[in-house]
């Protein structure tokens, strides 16, 4: 890794990060990156769900929205 920095975290967080990296045979950077991606996906999912709720209760609209959500999230 050419460009790095230090991030201060609680010792327990560091231990959990190290354990996750070891368990998955990846670097701590990769664990953090995966966590950030998962957080971004979850935020998108919540935003889509909220938008779907606001659009009303039309079953056809909801089905179309569900397909769009799956497409955007890659599911």
N, C-alpha and C. Protein backbone atom coordinates (compact mmCIF):
# COMPACT_ATOMS: atom_id res chain seq x y z
N UNK A 1 0.85 -1.16 0.00
CA UNK A 1 0.00 0.00 0.00
C UNK A 1 0.91 1.23 0.00
N UNK A 2 0.82 2.03 -1.02
CA UNK A 2 1.73 3.16 -1.18
C UNK A 2 1.36 4.35 -0.31
N UNK A 3 0.10 4.63 -0.18
CA UNK A 3 -0.34 5.83 0.53
C UNK A 3 -1.20 5.42 1.72
N UNK A 4 -0.66 5.57 2.93
CA UNK A 4 -1.39 5.15 4.12
C UNK A 4 -1.45 6.27 5.15
N UNK A 5 -2.31 6.08 6.14
CA UNK A 5 -2.42 7.01 7.25
C UNK A 5 -2.78 6.22 8.49
N UNK A 6 -2.71 6.85 9.62
CA UNK A 6 -3.05 6.21 10.88
C UNK A 6 -4.45 6.64 11.29
N UNK A 7 -5.24 5.69 11.77
CA UNK A 7 -6.58 5.97 12.28
C UNK A 7 -6.60 5.52 13.74
N UNK A 8 -6.99 6.41 14.63
CA UNK A 8 -7.03 6.07 16.05
C UNK A 8 -8.40 5.47 16.37
N UNK A 9 -8.38 4.26 16.93
CA UNK A 9 -9.61 3.58 17.33
C UNK A 9 -9.39 2.97 18.72
N UNK A 10 -10.48 2.61 19.34
CA UNK A 10 -10.38 1.93 20.63
C UNK A 10 -9.62 0.62 20.43
N UNK A 11 -8.94 0.19 21.47
CA UNK A 11 -8.18 -1.06 21.39
C UNK A 11 -9.11 -2.23 21.01
N UNK A 12 -10.31 -2.25 21.56
CA UNK A 12 -11.24 -3.34 21.24
C UNK A 12 -11.63 -3.32 19.76
N UNK A 13 -11.75 -2.13 19.18
CA UNK A 13 -12.06 -2.02 17.75
C UNK A 13 -10.88 -2.52 16.93
N UNK A 14 -9.68 -2.17 17.33
CA UNK A 14 -8.48 -2.63 16.64
C UNK A 14 -8.39 -4.15 16.68
N UNK A 15 -8.67 -4.72 17.85
CA UNK A 15 -8.62 -6.18 17.99
C UNK A 15 -9.67 -6.85 17.11
N UNK A 16 -10.88 -6.27 17.07
CA UNK A 16 -11.93 -6.84 16.22
C UNK A 16 -11.57 -6.72 14.74
N UNK A 17 -11.00 -5.60 14.36
CA UNK A 17 -10.56 -5.40 12.98
C UNK A 17 -9.47 -6.40 12.60
N UNK A 18 -8.51 -6.56 13.47
CA UNK A 18 -7.42 -7.51 13.22
C UNK A 18 -7.95 -8.94 13.12
N UNK A 19 -8.89 -9.29 13.98
CA UNK A 19 -9.47 -10.63 13.95
C UNK A 19 -10.25 -10.86 12.66
N UNK A 20 -11.02 -9.86 12.24
CA UNK A 20 -11.78 -10.00 10.99
C UNK A 20 -10.84 -10.16 9.81
N UNK A 21 -9.78 -9.38 9.78
CA UNK A 21 -8.81 -9.48 8.69
C UNK A 21 -8.15 -10.86 8.68
N UNK A 22 -7.76 -11.32 9.84
CA UNK A 22 -7.13 -12.63 9.96
C UNK A 22 -8.10 -13.74 9.55
N UNK A 23 -9.34 -13.67 10.04
CA UNK A 23 -10.33 -14.70 9.74
C UNK A 23 -10.65 -14.79 8.25
N UNK A 24 -10.57 -13.65 7.55
CA UNK A 24 -10.92 -13.62 6.13
C UNK A 24 -9.69 -13.57 5.22
N UNK A 25 -8.51 -13.64 5.85
CA UNK A 25 -7.24 -13.63 5.12
C UNK A 25 -7.13 -12.43 4.19
N UNK A 26 -7.47 -11.26 4.73
CA UNK A 26 -7.36 -10.01 3.99
C UNK A 26 -6.70 -8.98 4.90
N UNK A 27 -6.38 -7.83 4.33
CA UNK A 27 -5.78 -6.76 5.13
C UNK A 27 -6.85 -6.01 5.91
N UNK A 28 -6.40 -5.27 6.92
CA UNK A 28 -7.33 -4.42 7.68
C UNK A 28 -7.97 -3.39 6.74
N UNK A 29 -7.20 -2.88 5.79
CA UNK A 29 -7.73 -1.93 4.81
C UNK A 29 -8.90 -2.55 4.04
N UNK A 30 -8.76 -3.80 3.65
CA UNK A 30 -9.82 -4.46 2.90
C UNK A 30 -11.06 -4.67 3.76
N UNK A 31 -10.89 -4.96 5.04
CA UNK A 31 -12.03 -5.10 5.95
C UNK A 31 -12.76 -3.77 6.07
N UNK A 32 -12.01 -2.69 6.26
CA UNK A 32 -12.62 -1.37 6.38
C UNK A 32 -13.33 -0.98 5.09
N UNK A 33 -12.68 -1.21 3.95
CA UNK A 33 -13.28 -0.88 2.66
C UNK A 33 -14.58 -1.65 2.45
N UNK A 34 -14.57 -2.94 2.78
CA UNK A 34 -15.79 -3.75 2.64
C UNK A 34 -16.89 -3.23 3.56
N UNK A 35 -16.52 -2.83 4.77
CA UNK A 35 -17.51 -2.28 5.69
C UNK A 35 -18.11 -0.98 5.19
N UNK A 36 -17.27 -0.13 4.60
CA UNK A 36 -17.77 1.13 4.05
C UNK A 36 -18.70 0.89 2.86
N UNK A 37 -18.35 -0.09 2.02
CA UNK A 37 -19.23 -0.44 0.90
C UNK A 37 -20.57 -0.96 1.40
N UNK A 38 -20.52 -1.82 2.42
CA UNK A 38 -21.77 -2.36 2.98
C UNK A 38 -22.63 -1.25 3.58
N UNK A 39 -22.00 -0.31 4.24
CA UNK A 39 -22.73 0.82 4.81
C UNK A 39 -23.39 1.65 3.71
N UNK A 40 -22.66 1.90 2.63
CA UNK A 40 -23.22 2.66 1.50
C UNK A 40 -24.40 1.93 0.87
N UNK A 41 -24.27 0.59 0.71
CA UNK A 41 -25.38 -0.20 0.15
C UNK A 41 -26.60 -0.12 1.05
N UNK A 42 -26.37 -0.23 2.37
CA UNK A 42 -27.48 -0.17 3.32
C UNK A 42 -28.17 1.19 3.28
N UNK A 43 -27.39 2.25 3.17
CA UNK A 43 -27.98 3.59 3.08
C UNK A 43 -28.82 3.74 1.81
N UNK A 44 -28.33 3.20 0.68
CA UNK A 44 -29.10 3.23 -0.56
C UNK A 44 -30.39 2.44 -0.41
N UNK A 45 -30.27 1.25 0.19
CA UNK A 45 -31.45 0.40 0.37
C UNK A 45 -32.51 1.12 1.19
N UNK A 46 -32.10 1.74 2.27
CA UNK A 46 -33.05 2.47 3.11
C UNK A 46 -33.69 3.63 2.36
N UNK A 47 -32.89 4.35 1.58
CA UNK A 47 -33.43 5.47 0.81
C UNK A 47 -34.46 4.98 -0.21
N UNK A 48 -34.16 3.87 -0.88
CA UNK A 48 -35.10 3.30 -1.84
C UNK A 48 -36.38 2.84 -1.15
N UNK A 49 -36.24 2.20 -0.01
CA UNK A 49 -37.42 1.74 0.72
C UNK A 49 -38.29 2.91 1.14
N UNK A 50 -37.67 3.99 1.60
CA UNK A 50 -38.43 5.17 2.00
C UNK A 50 -39.14 5.77 0.79
N UNK A 51 -38.47 5.84 -0.34
CA UNK A 51 -39.08 6.37 -1.56
C UNK A 51 -40.26 5.49 -1.98
N UNK A 52 -40.10 4.19 -1.87
CA UNK A 52 -41.18 3.27 -2.23
C UNK A 52 -42.39 3.48 -1.32
N UNK A 53 -42.15 3.69 -0.03
CA UNK A 53 -43.27 3.93 0.90
C UNK A 53 -44.01 5.21 0.54
N UNK A 54 -43.24 6.24 0.16
CA UNK A 54 -43.87 7.52 -0.18
C UNK A 54 -44.69 7.44 -1.46
N UNK A 55 -44.34 6.54 -2.36
CA UNK A 55 -45.03 6.47 -3.64
C UNK A 55 -46.43 5.87 -3.54
N UNK A 56 -46.75 5.31 -2.42
CA UNK A 56 -48.10 4.81 -2.26
C UNK A 56 -48.19 3.31 -2.24
N UNK A 57 -49.40 2.85 -2.33
CA UNK A 57 -49.64 1.42 -2.12
C UNK A 57 -50.03 0.68 -3.40
N UNK A 58 -49.89 1.29 -4.56
CA UNK A 58 -50.24 0.62 -5.81
C UNK A 58 -49.31 -0.58 -6.01
N UNK A 59 -49.87 -1.80 -6.06
CA UNK A 59 -49.04 -3.01 -6.19
C UNK A 59 -48.16 -3.02 -7.44
N UNK A 60 -48.67 -2.50 -8.55
CA UNK A 60 -47.86 -2.47 -9.77
C UNK A 60 -46.66 -1.55 -9.61
N UNK A 61 -46.89 -0.38 -9.00
CA UNK A 61 -45.78 0.54 -8.74
C UNK A 61 -44.76 -0.10 -7.82
N UNK A 62 -45.24 -0.75 -6.77
CA UNK A 62 -44.33 -1.38 -5.81
C UNK A 62 -43.49 -2.48 -6.48
N UNK A 63 -44.10 -3.27 -7.33
CA UNK A 63 -43.36 -4.33 -8.03
C UNK A 63 -42.28 -3.73 -8.93
N UNK A 64 -42.62 -2.66 -9.61
CA UNK A 64 -41.64 -2.01 -10.48
C UNK A 64 -40.49 -1.42 -9.66
N UNK A 65 -40.82 -0.84 -8.53
CA UNK A 65 -39.80 -0.27 -7.66
C UNK A 65 -38.89 -1.36 -7.11
N UNK A 66 -39.47 -2.49 -6.73
CA UNK A 66 -38.68 -3.60 -6.19
C UNK A 66 -37.66 -4.08 -7.23
N UNK A 67 -38.07 -4.17 -8.48
CA UNK A 67 -37.16 -4.58 -9.54
C UNK A 67 -36.04 -3.56 -9.70
N UNK A 68 -36.39 -2.28 -9.67
CA UNK A 68 -35.38 -1.23 -9.81
C UNK A 68 -34.38 -1.28 -8.65
N UNK A 69 -34.86 -1.51 -7.45
CA UNK A 69 -33.97 -1.59 -6.30
C UNK A 69 -33.00 -2.74 -6.45
N UNK A 70 -33.51 -3.90 -6.85
CA UNK A 70 -32.63 -5.06 -7.04
C UNK A 70 -31.59 -4.78 -8.11
N UNK A 71 -32.00 -4.09 -9.19
CA UNK A 71 -31.05 -3.76 -10.25
C UNK A 71 -29.95 -2.84 -9.76
N UNK A 72 -30.33 -1.81 -9.03
CA UNK A 72 -29.35 -0.84 -8.54
C UNK A 72 -28.39 -1.48 -7.54
N UNK A 73 -28.92 -2.33 -6.65
CA UNK A 73 -28.09 -2.95 -5.64
C UNK A 73 -27.36 -4.18 -6.15
N UNK A 74 -27.68 -4.60 -7.37
CA UNK A 74 -27.00 -5.76 -7.93
C UNK A 74 -27.41 -7.06 -7.31
N UNK A 75 -28.63 -7.14 -6.89
CA UNK A 75 -29.13 -8.37 -6.24
C UNK A 75 -29.92 -9.21 -7.21
